[in-house]
């Protein structure tokens, strides 16, 4: 429905909230103002505030950029270790089917 707001699982909401709080803490530890970090990300200050509040309406790329600029560890302590993980995931994806389809249902036309 057009006017119905999207609902998210509790885990998603808590993960976004945690990431937002970690970004805010890291920003303050680096003594960066909201305005400075927002400018570095290339967004309005209000968008940064949404990121720090854990709003699911913010594009994930913006939240990850804020985390990277403030030094928040996302997956691993060092970014250099992401490339091997990406390669391993690509290898696993190559073994998976190209597309997933719903199973076909046989028509039961016995009356």
PDB file of N, CA and C in Angstrom:
ATOM      1  N   UNK A   1       0.841  -1.176   0.000  1.00  0.00           N
ATOM      2  CA  UNK A   1       0.000   0.000   0.000  1.00  0.00           C
ATOM      3  C   UNK A   1       0.888   1.241   0.000  1.00  0.00           C
ATOM      4  N   UNK A   2       0.544   2.244  -0.766  1.00  0.00           N
ATOM      5  CA  UNK A   2       1.399   3.417  -0.909  1.00  0.00           C
ATOM      6  C   UNK A   2       1.668   4.175   0.380  1.00  0.00           C
ATOM      7  N   UNK A   3       0.689   4.328   1.257  1.00  0.00           N
ATOM      8  CA  UNK A   3       0.868   5.150   2.442  1.00  0.00           C
ATOM      9  C   UNK A   3       1.348   4.383   3.668  1.00  0.00           C
ATOM     10  N   UNK A   4       1.492   3.062   3.541  1.00  0.00           N
ATOM     11  CA  UNK A   4       1.874   2.246   4.686  1.00  0.00           C
ATOM     12  C   UNK A   4       3.389   2.280   4.870  1.00  0.00           C
ATOM     13  N   UNK A   5       3.848   2.651   6.072  1.00  0.00           N
ATOM     14  CA  UNK A   5       5.297   2.670   6.292  1.00  0.00           C
ATOM     15  C   UNK A   5       5.850   1.250   6.364  1.00  0.00           C
ATOM     16  N   UNK A   6       7.065   1.089   5.901  1.00  0.00           N
ATOM     17  CA  UNK A   6       7.745  -0.214   5.904  1.00  0.00           C
ATOM     18  C   UNK A   6       8.098  -0.588   7.329  1.00  0.00           C
ATOM     19  N   UNK A   7       7.885  -1.838   7.692  1.00  0.00           N
ATOM     20  CA  UNK A   7       8.292  -2.308   9.008  1.00  0.00           C
ATOM     21  C   UNK A   7       9.526  -3.190   8.862  1.00  0.00           C
ATOM     22  N   UNK A   8      10.362  -3.176   9.873  1.00  0.00           N
ATOM     23  CA  UNK A   8      11.607  -3.926   9.860  1.00  0.00           C
ATOM     24  C   UNK A   8      11.650  -4.853  11.067  1.00  0.00           C
ATOM     25  N   UNK A   9      12.424  -5.914  10.944  1.00  0.00           N
ATOM     26  CA  UNK A   9      12.564  -6.836  12.067  1.00  0.00           C
ATOM     27  C   UNK A   9      13.283  -6.135  13.219  1.00  0.00           C
ATOM     28  N   UNK A  10      13.108  -6.673  14.389  1.00  0.00           N
ATOM     29  CA  UNK A  10      13.759  -6.112  15.579  1.00  0.00           C
ATOM     30  C   UNK A  10      15.275  -6.150  15.417  1.00  0.00           C
ATOM     31  N   UNK A  11      15.790  -7.226  14.844  1.00  0.00           N
ATOM     32  CA  UNK A  11      17.232  -7.354  14.637  1.00  0.00           C
ATOM     33  C   UNK A  11      17.750  -6.251  13.721  1.00  0.00           C
ATOM     34  N   UNK A  12      17.034  -5.972  12.649  1.00  0.00           N
ATOM     35  CA  UNK A  12      17.435  -4.909  11.725  1.00  0.00           C
ATOM     36  C   UNK A  12      17.427  -3.559  12.431  1.00  0.00           C
ATOM     37  N   UNK A  13      16.360  -3.281  13.165  1.00  0.00           N
ATOM     38  CA  UNK A  13      16.262  -2.006  13.870  1.00  0.00           C
ATOM     39  C   UNK A  13      17.382  -1.845  14.887  1.00  0.00           C
ATOM     40  N   UNK A  14      17.687  -2.916  15.623  1.00  0.00           N
ATOM     41  CA  UNK A  14      18.746  -2.841  16.623  1.00  0.00           C
ATOM     42  C   UNK A  14      20.122  -2.698  15.979  1.00  0.00           C
ATOM     43  N   UNK A  15      20.344  -3.370  14.855  1.00  0.00           N
ATOM     44  CA  UNK A  15      21.626  -3.254  14.153  1.00  0.00           C
ATOM     45  C   UNK A  15      21.830  -1.832  13.639  1.00  0.00           C
ATOM     46  N   UNK A  16      20.781  -1.235  13.079  1.00  0.00           N
ATOM     47  CA  UNK A  16      20.876   0.143  12.599  1.00  0.00           C
ATOM     48  C   UNK A  16      21.114   1.113  13.747  1.00  0.00           C
ATOM     49  N   UNK A  17      20.437   0.895  14.850  1.00  0.00           N
ATOM     50  CA  UNK A  17      20.608   1.754  16.014  1.00  0.00           C
ATOM     51  C   UNK A  17      22.036   1.650  16.550  1.00  0.00           C
ATOM     52  N   UNK A  18      22.548   0.424  16.643  1.00  0.00           N
ATOM     53  CA  UNK A  18      23.918   0.228  17.122  1.00  0.00           C
ATOM     54  C   UNK A  18      24.916   0.905  16.192  1.00  0.00           C
ATOM     55  N   UNK A  19      24.769   0.705  14.888  1.00  0.00           N
ATOM     56  CA  UNK A  19      25.685   1.332  13.934  1.00  0.00           C
ATOM     57  C   UNK A  19      25.628   2.851  14.068  1.00  0.00           C
ATOM     58  N   UNK A  20      24.438   3.407  14.163  1.00  0.00           N
ATOM     59  CA  UNK A  20      24.291   4.849  14.309  1.00  0.00           C
ATOM     60  C   UNK A  20      24.971   5.379  15.561  1.00  0.00           C
ATOM     61  N   UNK A  21      24.794   4.671  16.665  1.00  0.00           N
ATOM     62  CA  UNK A  21      25.418   5.098  17.920  1.00  0.00           C
ATOM     63  C   UNK A  21      26.945   4.968  17.856  1.00  0.00           C
ATOM     64  N   UNK A  22      27.425   3.915  17.195  1.00  0.00           N
ATOM     65  CA  UNK A  22      28.873   3.759  17.042  1.00  0.00           C
ATOM     66  C   UNK A  22      29.455   4.880  16.187  1.00  0.00           C
ATOM     67  N   UNK A  23      28.753   5.271  15.145  1.00  0.00           N
ATOM     68  CA  UNK A  23      29.202   6.380  14.296  1.00  0.00           C
ATOM     69  C   UNK A  23      29.228   7.673  15.108  1.00  0.00           C
ATOM     70  N   UNK A  24      28.178   7.920  15.871  1.00  0.00           N
ATOM     71  CA  UNK A  24      28.127   9.141  16.681  1.00  0.00           C
ATOM     72  C   UNK A  24      29.259   9.175  17.706  1.00  0.00           C
ATOM     73  N   UNK A  25      29.492   8.052  18.384  1.00  0.00           N
ATOM     74  CA  UNK A  25      30.568   7.973  19.367  1.00  0.00           C
ATOM     75  C   UNK A  25      31.922   8.204  18.706  1.00  0.00           C
ATOM     76  N   UNK A  26      32.157   7.560  17.570  1.00  0.00           N
ATOM     77  CA  UNK A  26      33.440   7.719  16.871  1.00  0.00           C
ATOM     78  C   UNK A  26      33.621   9.156  16.380  1.00  0.00           C
ATOM     79  N   UNK A  27      32.540   9.775  15.904  1.00  0.00           N
ATOM     80  CA  UNK A  27      32.613  11.166  15.446  1.00  0.00           C
ATOM     81  C   UNK A  27      33.007  12.078  16.602  1.00  0.00           C
ATOM     82  N   UNK A  28      32.392  11.870  17.742  1.00  0.00           N
ATOM     83  CA  UNK A  28      32.686  12.716  18.903  1.00  0.00           C
ATOM     84  C   UNK A  28      34.099  12.469  19.422  1.00  0.00           C
ATOM     85  N   UNK A  29      34.536  11.208  19.397  1.00  0.00           N
ATOM     86  CA  UNK A  29      35.906  10.907  19.825  1.00  0.00           C
ATOM     87  C   UNK A  29      36.926  11.587  18.925  1.00  0.00           C
ATOM     88  N   UNK A  30      36.588  11.728  17.664  1.00  0.00           N
ATOM     89  CA  UNK A  30      37.485  12.403  16.717  1.00  0.00           C
ATOM     90  C   UNK A  30      37.279  13.917  16.727  1.00  0.00           C
ATOM     91  N   UNK A  31      36.404  14.362  17.603  1.00  0.00           N
ATOM     92  CA  UNK A  31      36.084  15.779  17.740  1.00  0.00           C
ATOM     93  C   UNK A  31      35.615  16.403  16.417  1.00  0.00           C
ATOM     94  N   UNK A  32      34.769  15.660  15.725  1.00  0.00           N
ATOM     95  CA  UNK A  32      34.190  16.146  14.468  1.00  0.00           C
ATOM     96  C   UNK A  32      32.784  16.655  14.758  1.00  0.00           C
ATOM     97  N   UNK A  33      32.450  17.780  14.186  1.00  0.00           N
ATOM     98  CA  UNK A  33      31.086  18.277  14.329  1.00  0.00           C
ATOM     99  C   UNK A  33      30.191  17.534  13.339  1.00  0.00           C
ATOM    100  N   UNK A  34      28.888  17.596  13.578  1.00  0.00           N
ATOM    101  CA  UNK A  34      27.937  17.003  12.633  1.00  0.00           C
ATOM    102  C   UNK A  34      28.118  17.626  11.252  1.00  0.00           C
ATOM    103  N   UNK A  35      28.287  18.934  11.239  1.00  0.00           N
ATOM    104  CA  UNK A  35      28.433  19.656   9.974  1.00  0.00           C
ATOM    105  C   UNK A  35      29.672  19.178   9.206  1.00  0.00           C
ATOM    106  N   UNK A  36      30.800  18.973   9.917  1.00  0.00           N
ATOM    107  CA  UNK A  36      32.036  18.530   9.258  1.00  0.00           C
ATOM    108  C   UNK A  36      31.881  17.135   8.649  1.00  0.00           C
ATOM    109  N   UNK A  37      31.330  16.201   9.438  1.00  0.00           N
ATOM    110  CA  UNK A  37      31.178  14.841   8.922  1.00  0.00           C
ATOM    111  C   UNK A  37      30.168  14.807   7.781  1.00  0.00           C
ATOM    112  N   UNK A  38      29.082  15.526   7.916  1.00  0.00           N
ATOM    113  CA  UNK A  38      28.082  15.570   6.846  1.00  0.00           C
ATOM    114  C   UNK A  38      28.702  16.082   5.549  1.00  0.00           C
ATOM    115  N   UNK A  39      29.546  17.098   5.655  1.00  0.00           N
ATOM    116  CA  UNK A  39      30.207  17.646   4.465  1.00  0.00           C
ATOM    117  C   UNK A  39      31.138  16.612   3.837  1.00  0.00           C
ATOM    118  N   UNK A  40      31.855  15.855   4.657  1.00  0.00           N
ATOM    119  CA  UNK A  40      32.763  14.832   4.131  1.00  0.00           C
ATOM    120  C   UNK A  40      32.009  13.699   3.453  1.00  0.00           C
ATOM    121  N   UNK A  41      30.825  13.374   3.975  1.00  0.00           N
ATOM    122  CA  UNK A  41      29.997  12.337   3.355  1.00  0.00           C
ATOM    123  C   UNK A  41      29.328  12.887   2.101  1.00  0.00           C
ATOM    124  N   UNK A  42      29.053  14.191   2.110  1.00  0.00           N
ATOM    125  CA  UNK A  42      28.357  14.816   0.982  1.00  0.00           C
ATOM    126  C   UNK A  42      26.852  14.821   1.157  1.00  0.00           C
ATOM    127  N   UNK A  43      26.412  14.933   2.425  1.00  0.00           N
ATOM    128  CA  UNK A  43      24.982  14.949   2.721  1.00  0.00           C
ATOM    129  C   UNK A  43      24.649  16.138   3.610  1.00  0.00           C
ATOM    130  N   UNK A  44      23.366  16.380   3.779  1.00  0.00           N
ATOM    131  CA  UNK A  44      22.912  17.429   4.693  1.00  0.00           C
ATOM    132  C   UNK A  44      23.117  16.955   6.132  1.00  0.00           C
ATOM    133  N   UNK A  45      23.244  17.894   7.023  1.00  0.00           N
ATOM    134  CA  UNK A  45      23.403  17.578   8.441  1.00  0.00           C
ATOM    135  C   UNK A  45      22.225  16.753   8.956  1.00  0.00           C
ATOM    136  N   UNK A  46      21.034  17.034   8.455  1.00  0.00           N
ATOM    137  CA  UNK A  46      19.846  16.284   8.873  1.00  0.00           C
ATOM    138  C   UNK A  46      19.950  14.806   8.476  1.00  0.00           C
ATOM    139  N   UNK A  47      20.590  14.519   7.345  1.00  0.00           N
ATOM    140  CA  UNK A  47      20.782  13.127   6.926  1.00  0.00           C
ATOM    141  C   UNK A  47      21.757  12.423   7.860  1.00  0.00           C
ATOM    142  N   UNK A  48      22.821  13.112   8.248  1.00  0.00           N
ATOM    143  CA  UNK A  48      23.747  12.535   9.215  1.00  0.00           C
ATOM    144  C   UNK A  48      23.030  12.247  10.531  1.00  0.00           C
ATOM    145  N   UNK A  49      22.164  13.134  10.944  1.00  0.00           N
ATOM    146  CA  UNK A  49      21.412  12.912  12.179  1.00  0.00           C
ATOM    147  C   UNK A  49      20.546  11.655  12.069  1.00  0.00           C
ATOM    148  N   UNK A  50      19.960  11.437  10.900  1.00  0.00           N
ATOM    149  CA  UNK A  50      19.174  10.220  10.682  1.00  0.00           C
ATOM    150  C   UNK A  50      20.069   8.975  10.755  1.00  0.00           C
ATOM    151  N   UNK A  51      21.263   9.059  10.180  1.00  0.00           N
ATOM    152  CA  UNK A  51      22.212   7.941  10.247  1.00  0.00           C
ATOM    153  C   UNK A  51      22.517   7.622  11.701  1.00  0.00           C
ATOM    154  N   UNK A  52      22.830   8.656  12.476  1.00  0.00           N
ATOM    155  CA  UNK A  52      23.205   8.460  13.873  1.00  0.00           C
ATOM    156  C   UNK A  52      22.038   7.994  14.739  1.00  0.00           C
ATOM    157  N   UNK A  53      20.822   8.212  14.284  1.00  0.00           N
ATOM    158  CA  UNK A  53      19.644   7.727  15.008  1.00  0.00           C
ATOM    159  C   UNK A  53      19.264   6.315  14.575  1.00  0.00           C
ATOM    160  N   UNK A  54      19.947   5.796  13.553  1.00  0.00           N
ATOM    161  CA  UNK A  54      19.661   4.449  13.078  1.00  0.00           C
ATOM    162  C   UNK A  54      18.438   4.352  12.195  1.00  0.00           C
ATOM    163  N   UNK A  55      18.134   5.404  11.475  1.00  0.00           N
ATOM    164  CA  UNK A  55      16.962   5.405  10.606  1.00  0.00           C
ATOM    165  C   UNK A  55      17.163   4.466   9.416  1.00  0.00           C
ATOM    166  N   UNK A  56      16.196   3.580   9.161  1.00  0.00           N
ATOM    167  CA  UNK A  56      16.318   2.682   8.018  1.00  0.00           C
ATOM    168  C   UNK A  56      16.046   3.359   6.674  1.00  0.00           C
ATOM    169  N   UNK A  57      15.642   4.620   6.696  1.00  0.00           N
ATOM    170  CA  UNK A  57      15.337   5.322   5.447  1.00  0.00           C
ATOM    171  C   UNK A  57      16.582   5.862   4.750  1.00  0.00           C
ATOM    172  N   UNK A  58      17.728   5.821   5.419  1.00  0.00           N
ATOM    173  CA  UNK A  58      18.970   6.345   4.843  1.00  0.00           C
ATOM    174  C   UNK A  58      19.615   5.265   3.972  1.00  0.00           C
ATOM    175  N   UNK A  59      20.138   5.675   2.831  1.00  0.00           N
ATOM    176  CA  UNK A  59      20.814   4.728   1.934  1.00  0.00           C
ATOM    177  C   UNK A  59      21.979   4.061   2.657  1.00  0.00           C
ATOM    178  N   UNK A  60      22.105   2.763   2.458  1.00  0.00           N
ATOM    179  CA  UNK A  60      23.130   2.010   3.170  1.00  0.00           C
ATOM    180  C   UNK A  60      24.535   2.513   2.838  1.00  0.00           C
ATOM    181  N   UNK A  61      24.742   2.949   1.614  1.00  0.00           N
ATOM    182  CA  UNK A  61      26.054   3.465   1.237  1.00  0.00           C
ATOM    183  C   UNK A  61      26.459   4.673   2.058  1.00  0.00           C
ATOM    184  N   UNK A  62      25.503   5.527   2.357  1.00  0.00           N
ATOM    185  CA  UNK A  62      25.793   6.714   3.169  1.00  0.00           C
ATOM    186  C   UNK A  62      26.160   6.319   4.599  1.00  0.00           C
ATOM    187  N   UNK A  63      25.435   5.351   5.155  1.00  0.00           N
ATOM    188  CA  UNK A  63      25.732   4.905   6.517  1.00  0.00           C
ATOM    189  C   UNK A  63      27.109   4.244   6.567  1.00  0.00           C
ATOM    190  N   UNK A  64      27.435   3.444   5.566  1.00  0.00           N
ATOM    191  CA  UNK A  64      28.741   2.786   5.538  1.00  0.00           C
ATOM    192  C   UNK A  64      29.864   3.801   5.323  1.00  0.00           C
ATOM    193  N   UNK A  65      29.612   4.829   4.536  1.00  0.00           N
ATOM    194  CA  UNK A  65      30.621   5.879   4.335  1.00  0.00           C
ATOM    195  C   UNK A  65      30.866   6.633   5.639  1.00  0.00           C
ATOM    196  N   UNK A  66      29.796   6.919   6.374  1.00  0.00           N
ATOM    197  CA  UNK A  66      29.944   7.588   7.668  1.00  0.00           C
ATOM    198  C   UNK A  66      30.764   6.720   8.614  1.00  0.00           C
ATOM    199  N   UNK A  67      30.498   5.418   8.601  1.00  0.00           N
ATOM    200  CA  UNK A  67      31.257   4.492   9.449  1.00  0.00           C
ATOM    201  C   UNK A  67      32.727   4.474   9.047  1.00  0.00           C
ATOM    202  N   UNK A  68      32.998   4.417   7.763  1.00  0.00           N
ATOM    203  CA  UNK A  68      34.384   4.382   7.287  1.00  0.00           C
ATOM    204  C   UNK A  68      35.132   5.663   7.638  1.00  0.00           C
ATOM    205  N   UNK A  69      34.476   6.801   7.476  1.00  0.00           N
ATOM    206  CA  UNK A  69      35.129   8.083   7.753  1.00  0.00           C
ATOM    207  C   UNK A  69      35.395   8.313   9.237  1.00  0.00           C
ATOM    208  N   UNK A  70      34.622   7.650  10.085  1.00  0.00           N
ATOM    209  CA  UNK A  70      34.825   7.820  11.525  1.00  0.00           C
ATOM    210  C   UNK A  70      35.635   6.677  12.139  1.00  0.00           C
ATOM    211  N   UNK A  71      35.970   5.685  11.314  1.00  0.00           N
ATOM    212  CA  UNK A  71      36.794   4.581  11.801  1.00  0.00           C
ATOM    213  C   UNK A  71      36.030   3.472  12.496  1.00  0.00           C
ATOM    214  N   UNK A  72      34.736   3.376  12.255  1.00  0.00           N
ATOM    215  CA  UNK A  72      33.944   2.305  12.852  1.00  0.00           C
ATOM    216  C   UNK A  72      34.212   1.022  12.073  1.00  0.00           C
ATOM    217  N   UNK A  73      34.625  -0.033  12.792  1.00  0.00           N
ATOM    218  CA  UNK A  73      34.857  -1.323  12.152  1.00  0.00           C
ATOM    219  C   UNK A  73      33.528  -1.917  11.708  1.00  0.00           C
ATOM    220  N   UNK A  74      33.464  -2.315  10.457  1.00  0.00           N
ATOM    221  CA  UNK A  74      32.220  -2.867   9.935  1.00  0.00           C
ATOM    222  C   UNK A  74      32.201  -4.388   9.985  1.00  0.00           C
ATOM    223  N   UNK A  75      33.133  -5.029   9.312  1.00  0.00           N
ATOM    224  CA  UNK A  75      33.139  -6.483   9.245  1.00  0.00           C
ATOM    225  C   UNK A  75      34.387  -7.065   9.901  1.00  0.00           C
ATOM    226  N   UNK A  76      35.474  -6.389   9.712  1.00  0.00           N
ATOM    227  CA  UNK A  76      36.758  -6.851  10.217  1.00  0.00           C
ATOM    228  C   UNK A  76      37.554  -5.635  10.666  1.00  0.00           C
ATOM    229  N   UNK A  77      38.557  -5.830  11.512  1.00  0.00           N
ATOM    230  CA  UNK A  77      39.325  -4.679  11.979  1.00  0.00           C
ATOM    231  C   UNK A  77      40.079  -3.934  10.883  1.00  0.00           C
ATOM    232  N   UNK A  78      40.500  -4.626   9.825  1.00  0.00           N
ATOM    233  CA  UNK A  78      41.260  -3.953   8.773  1.00  0.00           C
ATOM    234  C   UNK A  78      40.559  -4.093   7.434  1.00  0.00           C
ATOM    235  N   UNK A  79      40.465  -2.992   6.722  1.00  0.00           N
ATOM    236  CA  UNK A  79      39.800  -3.017   5.419  1.00  0.00           C
ATOM    237  C   UNK A  79      40.535  -3.910   4.430  1.00  0.00           C
ATOM    238  N   UNK A  80      41.842  -4.083   4.597  1.00  0.00           N
ATOM    239  CA  UNK A  80      42.629  -4.904   3.675  1.00  0.00           C
ATOM    240  C   UNK A  80      42.181  -6.361   3.689  1.00  0.00           C
ATOM    241  N   UNK A  81      41.533  -6.777   4.753  1.00  0.00           N
ATOM    242  CA  UNK A  81      41.098  -8.171   4.829  1.00  0.00           C
ATOM    243  C   UNK A  81      39.755  -8.403   4.147  1.00  0.00           C
ATOM    244  N   UNK A  82      39.126  -7.366   3.651  1.00  0.00           N
ATOM    245  CA  UNK A  82      37.846  -7.529   2.968  1.00  0.00           C
ATOM    246  C   UNK A  82      38.007  -8.175   1.594  1.00  0.00           C
ATOM    247  N   UNK A  83      39.059  -7.840   0.873  1.00  0.00           N
ATOM    248  CA  UNK A  83      39.241  -8.369  -0.485  1.00  0.00           C
ATOM    249  C   UNK A  83      39.237  -9.898  -0.510  1.00  0.00           C
ATOM    250  N   UNK A  84      39.987 -10.580   0.369  1.00  0.00           N
ATOM    251  CA  UNK A  84      39.927 -12.044   0.353  1.00  0.00           C
ATOM    252  C   UNK A  84      38.535 -12.587   0.687  1.00  0.00           C
ATOM    253  N   UNK A  85      37.821 -11.909   1.589  1.00  0.00           N
ATOM    254  CA  UNK A  85      36.470 -12.349   1.918  1.00  0.00           C
ATOM    255  C   UNK A  85      35.532 -12.167   0.732  1.00  0.00           C
ATOM    256  N   UNK A  86      35.701 -11.066   0.013  1.00  0.00           N
ATOM    257  CA  UNK A  86      34.892 -10.822  -1.188  1.00  0.00           C
ATOM    258  C   UNK A  86      35.170 -11.907  -2.217  1.00  0.00           C
ATOM    259  N   UNK A  87      36.438 -12.253  -2.398  1.00  0.00           N
ATOM    260  CA  UNK A  87      36.819 -13.291  -3.370  1.00  0.00           C
ATOM    261  C   UNK A  87      36.220 -14.647  -2.981  1.00  0.00           C
ATOM    262  N   UNK A  88      36.286 -15.006  -1.700  1.00  0.00           N
ATOM    263  CA  UNK A  88      35.707 -16.283  -1.253  1.00  0.00           C
ATOM    264  C   UNK A  88      34.194 -16.297  -1.465  1.00  0.00           C
ATOM    265  N   UNK A  89      33.552 -15.170  -1.199  1.00  0.00           N
ATOM    266  CA  UNK A  89      32.110 -15.091  -1.409  1.00  0.00           C
ATOM    267  C   UNK A  89      31.770 -15.196  -2.887  1.00  0.00           C
ATOM    268  N   UNK A  90      32.575 -14.569  -3.746  1.00  0.00           N
ATOM    269  CA  UNK A  90      32.379 -14.692  -5.196  1.00  0.00           C
ATOM    270  C   UNK A  90      32.510 -16.148  -5.635  1.00  0.00           C
ATOM    271  N   UNK A  91      33.484 -16.859  -5.065  1.00  0.00           N
ATOM    272  CA  UNK A  91      33.670 -18.275  -5.405  1.00  0.00           C
ATOM    273  C   UNK A  91      32.433 -19.086  -5.018  1.00  0.00           C
ATOM    274  N   UNK A  92      31.886 -18.810  -3.850  1.00  0.00           N
ATOM    275  CA  UNK A  92      30.687 -19.517  -3.401  1.00  0.00           C
ATOM    276  C   UNK A  92      29.490 -19.171  -4.272  1.00  0.00           C
ATOM    277  N   UNK A  93      29.367 -17.883  -4.636  1.00  0.00           N
ATOM    278  CA  UNK A  93      28.254 -17.460  -5.493  1.00  0.00           C
ATOM    279  C   UNK A  93      28.335 -18.114  -6.872  1.00  0.00           C
ATOM    280  N   UNK A  94      29.552 -18.339  -7.362  1.00  0.00           N
ATOM    281  CA  UNK A  94      29.734 -18.968  -8.673  1.00  0.00           C
ATOM    282  C   UNK A  94      29.192 -20.392  -8.676  1.00  0.00           C
ATOM    283  N   UNK A  95      29.149 -21.035  -7.530  1.00  0.00           N
ATOM    284  CA  UNK A  95      28.641 -22.399  -7.431  1.00  0.00           C
ATOM    285  C   UNK A  95      27.122 -22.457  -7.294  1.00  0.00           C
ATOM    286  N   UNK A  96      26.508 -21.320  -7.031  1.00  0.00           N
ATOM    287  CA  UNK A  96      25.065 -21.266  -6.845  1.00  0.00           C
ATOM    288  C   UNK A  96      24.376 -21.084  -8.196  1.00  0.00           C
ATOM    289  N   UNK A  97      23.098 -21.471  -8.273  1.00  0.00           N
ATOM    290  CA  UNK A  97      22.369 -21.248  -9.522  1.00  0.00           C
ATOM    291  C   UNK A  97      22.293 -19.760  -9.862  1.00  0.00           C
ATOM    292  N   UNK A  98      22.218 -19.459 -11.154  1.00  0.00           N
ATOM    293  CA  UNK A  98      22.156 -18.075 -11.601  1.00  0.00           C
ATOM    294  C   UNK A  98      20.892 -17.359 -11.167  1.00  0.00           C
ATOM    295  N   UNK A  99      19.803 -18.081 -11.087  1.00  0.00           N
ATOM    296  CA  UNK A  99      18.547 -17.482 -10.632  1.00  0.00           C
ATOM    297  C   UNK A  99      17.785 -18.516  -9.822  1.00  0.00           C
ATOM    298  N   UNK A 100      16.932 -18.028  -8.987  1.00  0.00           N
ATOM    299  CA  UNK A 100      16.109 -18.884  -8.144  1.00  0.00           C
ATOM    300  C   UNK A 100      14.663 -18.670  -8.545  1.00  0.00           C
ATOM    301  N   UNK A 101      13.997 -19.761  -8.830  1.00  0.00           N
ATOM    302  CA  UNK A 101      12.585 -19.673  -9.209  1.00  0.00           C
ATOM    303  C   UNK A 101      11.755 -20.423  -8.191  1.00  0.00           C
ATOM    304  N   UNK A 102      10.537 -19.984  -8.072  1.00  0.00           N
ATOM    305  CA  UNK A 102       9.612 -20.710  -7.203  1.00  0.00           C
ATOM    306  C   UNK A 102       9.349 -22.078  -7.813  1.00  0.00           C
ATOM    307  N   UNK A 103       9.168 -23.090  -6.964  1.00  0.00           N
ATOM    308  CA  UNK A 103       8.856 -24.412  -7.509  1.00  0.00           C
ATOM    309  C   UNK A 103       7.536 -24.386  -8.264  1.00  0.00           C
ATOM    310  N   UNK A 104       7.513 -25.120  -9.360  1.00  0.00           N
ATOM    311  CA  UNK A 104       6.279 -25.186 -10.142  1.00  0.00           C
ATOM    312  C   UNK A 104       5.279 -26.050  -9.413  1.00  0.00           C
ATOM    313  N   UNK A 105       4.088 -25.602  -9.410  1.00  0.00           N
ATOM    314  CA  UNK A 105       3.014 -26.383  -8.807  1.00  0.00           C
ATOM    315  C   UNK A 105       2.296 -27.144  -9.908  1.00  0.00           C
ATOM    316  N   UNK A 106       2.152 -28.444  -9.695  1.00  0.00           N
ATOM    317  CA  UNK A 106       1.389 -29.238 -10.654  1.00  0.00           C
ATOM    318  C   UNK A 106      -0.084 -28.915 -10.488  1.00  0.00           C
ATOM    319  N   UNK A 107      -0.755 -28.823 -11.582  1.00  0.00           N
ATOM    320  CA  UNK A 107      -2.178 -28.541 -11.563  1.00  0.00           C
ATOM    321  C   UNK A 107      -2.916 -29.817 -11.195  1.00  0.00           C
ATOM    322  N   UNK A 108      -3.693 -29.753 -10.143  1.00  0.00           N
ATOM    323  CA  UNK A 108      -4.494 -30.897  -9.724  1.00  0.00           C
ATOM    324  C   UNK A 108      -5.879 -30.734 -10.348  1.00  0.00           C
ATOM    325  N   UNK A 109      -6.084 -31.402 -11.484  1.00  0.00           N
ATOM    326  CA  UNK A 109      -7.366 -31.255 -12.155  1.00  0.00           C
ATOM    327  C   UNK A 109      -8.246 -32.508 -12.030  1.00  0.00           C
ATOM    328  N   UNK A 110      -7.914 -33.358 -11.048  1.00  0.00           N
ATOM    329  CA  UNK A 110      -8.770 -34.516 -10.767  1.00  0.00           C
ATOM    330  C   UNK A 110      -9.973 -34.049  -9.952  1.00  0.00           C
ATOM    331  N   UNK A 111     -11.123 -34.346 -10.451  1.00  0.00           N
ATOM    332  CA  UNK A 111     -12.344 -33.937  -9.746  1.00  0.00           C
ATOM    333  C   UNK A 111     -12.952 -35.094  -9.030  1.00  0.00           C
TER     334      UNK A 111
END
